[in-house]
Amino acid sequence: MASETTELQQAIFAGKVQRARALPAARKIADAASLFDDTLALMRLAIATDNPTFHPEQVTAEVARRLRIARRLDEAGIYEPAGTIDDQP
C-alpha cells in the first residue's frame, strides 16, 4: 500500500513539473509576481493580526524590515539550494 501511494505521489509531482516546464516564460513570470503579491498580502495580514495597535504605515515598515532580513540571509549564502526534480534519486 505504501509503495502504491508513493508511486502515485511521484507521478502526480512529475505531472506538475512537466506542466510547469511547458508554460511560456511570460506566464511563469506573471505567476511568480502573483505569488509574491499573495505572499505580501499574507505577511501584512499576519503582522496586523499579531500587532493590532499598528497603523498601516507600521505594517508596511515591518513588511519591508522582514524582506530586508530575508534578502540579507539569501545574500549571505547561509542556505543551500535544494536542487531540482532532476537532482532527485
N, C-alpha and C. Protein backbone atom coordinates (compact mmCIF):
# COMPACT_ATOMS: atom_id res chain seq x y z
N MET A 1 0.82 -1.20 0.00
CA MET A 1 0.00 0.00 0.00
C MET A 1 0.86 1.26 0.00
N ALA A 2 1.90 1.28 0.85
CA ALA A 2 2.75 2.46 0.95
C ALA A 2 3.47 2.73 -0.37
N SER A 3 3.93 1.66 -1.03
CA SER A 3 4.63 1.88 -2.29
C SER A 3 3.69 2.38 -3.38
N GLU A 4 2.44 1.91 -3.35
CA GLU A 4 1.46 2.41 -4.33
C GLU A 4 1.21 3.90 -4.10
N THR A 5 1.10 4.28 -2.85
CA THR A 5 0.88 5.68 -2.52
C THR A 5 2.07 6.53 -2.95
N THR A 6 3.26 6.02 -2.66
CA THR A 6 4.47 6.74 -3.04
C THR A 6 4.56 6.89 -4.55
N GLU A 7 4.27 5.84 -5.26
CA GLU A 7 4.31 5.90 -6.73
C GLU A 7 3.29 6.92 -7.25
N LEU A 8 2.11 6.94 -6.66
CA LEU A 8 1.08 7.89 -7.08
C LEU A 8 1.54 9.32 -6.80
N GLN A 9 2.11 9.54 -5.62
CA GLN A 9 2.61 10.87 -5.29
C GLN A 9 3.69 11.31 -6.27
N GLN A 10 4.60 10.42 -6.60
CA GLN A 10 5.67 10.74 -7.54
C GLN A 10 5.11 11.04 -8.92
N ALA A 11 4.11 10.28 -9.34
CA ALA A 11 3.50 10.50 -10.66
C ALA A 11 2.79 11.85 -10.70
N ILE A 12 2.08 12.19 -9.63
CA ILE A 12 1.40 13.49 -9.58
C ILE A 12 2.41 14.62 -9.62
N PHE A 13 3.48 14.49 -8.82
CA PHE A 13 4.51 15.52 -8.79
C PHE A 13 5.18 15.67 -10.16
N ALA A 14 5.51 14.55 -10.78
CA ALA A 14 6.14 14.59 -12.10
C ALA A 14 5.23 15.28 -13.12
N GLY A 15 3.93 15.02 -13.04
CA GLY A 15 2.98 15.69 -13.93
C GLY A 15 2.95 17.18 -13.71
N LYS A 16 2.99 17.60 -12.45
CA LYS A 16 3.02 19.04 -12.14
C LYS A 16 4.29 19.68 -12.69
N VAL A 17 5.41 19.02 -12.53
CA VAL A 17 6.68 19.55 -13.04
C VAL A 17 6.62 19.66 -14.55
N GLN A 18 6.10 18.64 -15.21
CA GLN A 18 6.00 18.65 -16.67
C GLN A 18 5.12 19.81 -17.15
N ARG A 19 3.99 20.02 -16.48
CA ARG A 19 3.10 21.13 -16.86
C ARG A 19 3.77 22.48 -16.62
N ALA A 20 4.48 22.60 -15.51
CA ALA A 20 5.16 23.86 -15.20
C ALA A 20 6.25 24.16 -16.22
N ARG A 21 6.97 23.15 -16.63
CA ARG A 21 8.03 23.35 -17.63
C ARG A 21 7.47 23.75 -18.99
N ALA A 22 6.26 23.32 -19.27
CA ALA A 22 5.65 23.61 -20.57
C ALA A 22 5.10 25.04 -20.65
N LEU A 23 4.97 25.71 -19.51
CA LEU A 23 4.44 27.08 -19.52
C LEU A 23 5.40 28.04 -20.21
N PRO A 24 4.87 29.01 -20.95
CA PRO A 24 5.73 30.03 -21.55
C PRO A 24 6.38 30.88 -20.44
N ALA A 25 7.54 31.43 -20.74
CA ALA A 25 8.28 32.23 -19.76
C ALA A 25 7.45 33.39 -19.23
N ALA A 26 6.69 34.05 -20.09
CA ALA A 26 5.88 35.18 -19.65
C ALA A 26 4.85 34.76 -18.61
N ARG A 27 4.29 33.58 -18.79
CA ARG A 27 3.31 33.07 -17.82
C ARG A 27 3.98 32.75 -16.49
N LYS A 28 5.18 32.17 -16.56
CA LYS A 28 5.91 31.86 -15.33
C LYS A 28 6.22 33.13 -14.54
N ILE A 29 6.61 34.18 -15.25
CA ILE A 29 6.92 35.46 -14.59
C ILE A 29 5.66 36.05 -13.99
N ALA A 30 4.56 36.01 -14.72
CA ALA A 30 3.30 36.55 -14.20
C ALA A 30 2.84 35.76 -12.98
N ASP A 31 3.00 34.44 -13.03
CA ASP A 31 2.62 33.61 -11.88
C ASP A 31 3.50 33.91 -10.67
N ALA A 32 4.79 34.12 -10.90
CA ALA A 32 5.71 34.44 -9.80
C ALA A 32 5.33 35.77 -9.17
N ALA A 33 5.01 36.76 -9.99
CA ALA A 33 4.60 38.07 -9.46
C ALA A 33 3.32 37.95 -8.66
N SER A 34 2.39 37.15 -9.13
CA SER A 34 1.14 36.96 -8.43
C SER A 34 1.36 36.26 -7.08
N LEU A 35 2.22 35.25 -7.08
CA LEU A 35 2.53 34.56 -5.83
C LEU A 35 3.20 35.50 -4.83
N PHE A 36 4.09 36.36 -5.32
CA PHE A 36 4.76 37.32 -4.44
C PHE A 36 3.73 38.29 -3.85
N ASP A 37 2.82 38.79 -4.68
CA ASP A 37 1.78 39.69 -4.19
C ASP A 37 0.91 39.00 -3.14
N ASP A 38 0.56 37.74 -3.37
CA ASP A 38 -0.24 36.99 -2.41
C ASP A 38 0.52 36.82 -1.10
N THR A 39 1.82 36.55 -1.20
CA THR A 39 2.65 36.39 -0.01
C THR A 39 2.72 37.68 0.78
N LEU A 40 2.89 38.80 0.09
CA LEU A 40 2.92 40.09 0.77
C LEU A 40 1.60 40.36 1.49
N ALA A 41 0.49 40.02 0.86
CA ALA A 41 -0.82 40.22 1.49
C ALA A 41 -0.94 39.38 2.76
N LEU A 42 -0.45 38.13 2.69
CA LEU A 42 -0.49 37.28 3.88
C LEU A 42 0.43 37.81 4.98
N MET A 43 1.60 38.32 4.58
CA MET A 43 2.52 38.92 5.56
C MET A 43 1.85 40.11 6.25
N ARG A 44 1.24 40.97 5.46
CA ARG A 44 0.56 42.15 6.02
C ARG A 44 -0.53 41.72 7.01
N LEU A 45 -1.32 40.73 6.63
CA LEU A 45 -2.39 40.25 7.49
C LEU A 45 -1.83 39.67 8.79
N ALA A 46 -0.79 38.88 8.69
CA ALA A 46 -0.19 38.27 9.89
C ALA A 46 0.39 39.34 10.81
N ILE A 47 1.08 40.31 10.23
CA ILE A 47 1.67 41.38 11.04
C ILE A 47 0.58 42.20 11.71
N ALA A 48 -0.45 42.54 10.97
CA ALA A 48 -1.55 43.32 11.54
C ALA A 48 -2.28 42.54 12.63
N THR A 49 -2.42 41.23 12.44
CA THR A 49 -3.08 40.40 13.45
C THR A 49 -2.23 40.29 14.71
N ASP A 50 -0.92 40.11 14.53
CA ASP A 50 -0.02 40.00 15.67
C ASP A 50 0.19 41.32 16.39
N ASN A 51 -0.04 42.42 15.70
CA ASN A 51 0.19 43.76 16.26
C ASN A 51 -1.04 44.63 16.01
N PRO A 52 -2.11 44.41 16.74
CA PRO A 52 -3.36 45.12 16.46
C PRO A 52 -3.28 46.64 16.64
N THR A 53 -2.27 47.13 17.32
CA THR A 53 -2.14 48.58 17.50
C THR A 53 -1.36 49.25 16.38
N PHE A 54 -0.80 48.45 15.46
CA PHE A 54 -0.03 49.01 14.35
C PHE A 54 -0.94 49.78 13.39
N HIS A 55 -0.45 50.91 12.94
CA HIS A 55 -1.10 51.66 11.86
C HIS A 55 -0.64 51.04 10.54
N PRO A 56 -1.35 51.30 9.44
CA PRO A 56 -0.95 50.73 8.15
C PRO A 56 0.51 51.03 7.79
N GLU A 57 0.99 52.22 8.14
CA GLU A 57 2.38 52.58 7.83
C GLU A 57 3.36 51.70 8.61
N GLN A 58 2.98 51.35 9.84
CA GLN A 58 3.84 50.48 10.64
C GLN A 58 3.85 49.05 10.08
N VAL A 59 2.71 48.61 9.58
CA VAL A 59 2.65 47.29 8.96
C VAL A 59 3.55 47.27 7.73
N THR A 60 3.48 48.32 6.92
CA THR A 60 4.32 48.41 5.72
C THR A 60 5.79 48.42 6.10
N ALA A 61 6.14 49.15 7.13
CA ALA A 61 7.54 49.21 7.57
C ALA A 61 8.01 47.85 8.06
N GLU A 62 7.15 47.11 8.74
CA GLU A 62 7.52 45.79 9.24
C GLU A 62 7.69 44.80 8.08
N VAL A 63 6.84 44.89 7.08
CA VAL A 63 7.00 44.04 5.89
C VAL A 63 8.35 44.33 5.25
N ALA A 64 8.68 45.60 5.08
CA ALA A 64 9.96 45.98 4.47
C ALA A 64 11.13 45.47 5.31
N ARG A 65 11.01 45.57 6.63
CA ARG A 65 12.09 45.09 7.51
C ARG A 65 12.30 43.59 7.33
N ARG A 66 11.22 42.84 7.29
CA ARG A 66 11.33 41.38 7.14
C ARG A 66 11.89 41.00 5.76
N LEU A 67 11.53 41.75 4.74
CA LEU A 67 12.08 41.47 3.42
C LEU A 67 13.58 41.77 3.37
N ARG A 68 14.02 42.83 4.08
CA ARG A 68 15.46 43.13 4.15
C ARG A 68 16.21 41.99 4.85
N ILE A 69 15.63 41.47 5.91
CA ILE A 69 16.26 40.35 6.61
C ILE A 69 16.36 39.14 5.69
N ALA A 70 15.29 38.84 4.98
CA ALA A 70 15.30 37.70 4.06
C ALA A 70 16.36 37.89 2.98
N ARG A 71 16.48 39.10 2.47
CA ARG A 71 17.49 39.37 1.43
C ARG A 71 18.89 39.18 1.98
N ARG A 72 19.14 39.69 3.20
CA ARG A 72 20.47 39.53 3.80
C ARG A 72 20.81 38.05 4.01
N LEU A 73 19.84 37.28 4.47
CA LEU A 73 20.07 35.84 4.64
C LEU A 73 20.38 35.18 3.31
N ASP A 74 19.64 35.56 2.28
CA ASP A 74 19.87 34.99 0.95
C ASP A 74 21.25 35.35 0.43
N GLU A 75 21.63 36.61 0.57
CA GLU A 75 22.92 37.07 0.07
C GLU A 75 24.09 36.50 0.87
N ALA A 76 23.84 36.14 2.13
CA ALA A 76 24.90 35.58 2.97
C ALA A 76 25.22 34.14 2.59
N GLY A 77 24.36 33.53 1.80
CA GLY A 77 24.60 32.16 1.36
C GLY A 77 24.49 31.14 2.49
N ILE A 78 23.69 31.44 3.48
CA ILE A 78 23.53 30.55 4.64
C ILE A 78 22.82 29.26 4.22
N TYR A 79 21.85 29.40 3.36
CA TYR A 79 21.07 28.24 2.94
C TYR A 79 21.56 27.76 1.58
N GLU A 80 21.55 26.45 1.40
CA GLU A 80 21.96 25.88 0.13
C GLU A 80 20.72 25.54 -0.70
N PRO A 81 20.81 25.70 -2.02
CA PRO A 81 19.65 25.36 -2.85
C PRO A 81 19.30 23.87 -2.69
N ALA A 82 18.02 23.60 -2.71
CA ALA A 82 17.54 22.22 -2.55
C ALA A 82 17.72 21.41 -3.83
N GLY A 83 17.96 22.09 -4.95
CA GLY A 83 18.10 21.38 -6.21
C GLY A 83 16.79 21.36 -6.97
N THR A 84 16.73 20.55 -7.99
CA THR A 84 15.54 20.43 -8.82
C THR A 84 15.08 18.99 -8.84
N ILE A 85 13.97 18.76 -9.46
CA ILE A 85 13.43 17.42 -9.57
C ILE A 85 14.42 16.49 -10.28
N ASP A 86 15.22 17.04 -11.20
CA ASP A 86 16.19 16.23 -11.93
C ASP A 86 17.31 15.75 -11.03
N ASP A 87 17.53 16.44 -9.90
CA ASP A 87 18.60 16.07 -8.98
C ASP A 87 18.18 14.97 -8.02
N GLN A 88 16.90 14.65 -7.97
CA GLN A 88 16.39 13.68 -7.01
C GLN A 88 16.68 12.26 -7.48
N PRO A 89 16.88 11.35 -6.51
CA PRO A 89 17.16 9.95 -6.88
C PRO A 89 15.96 9.26 -7.49
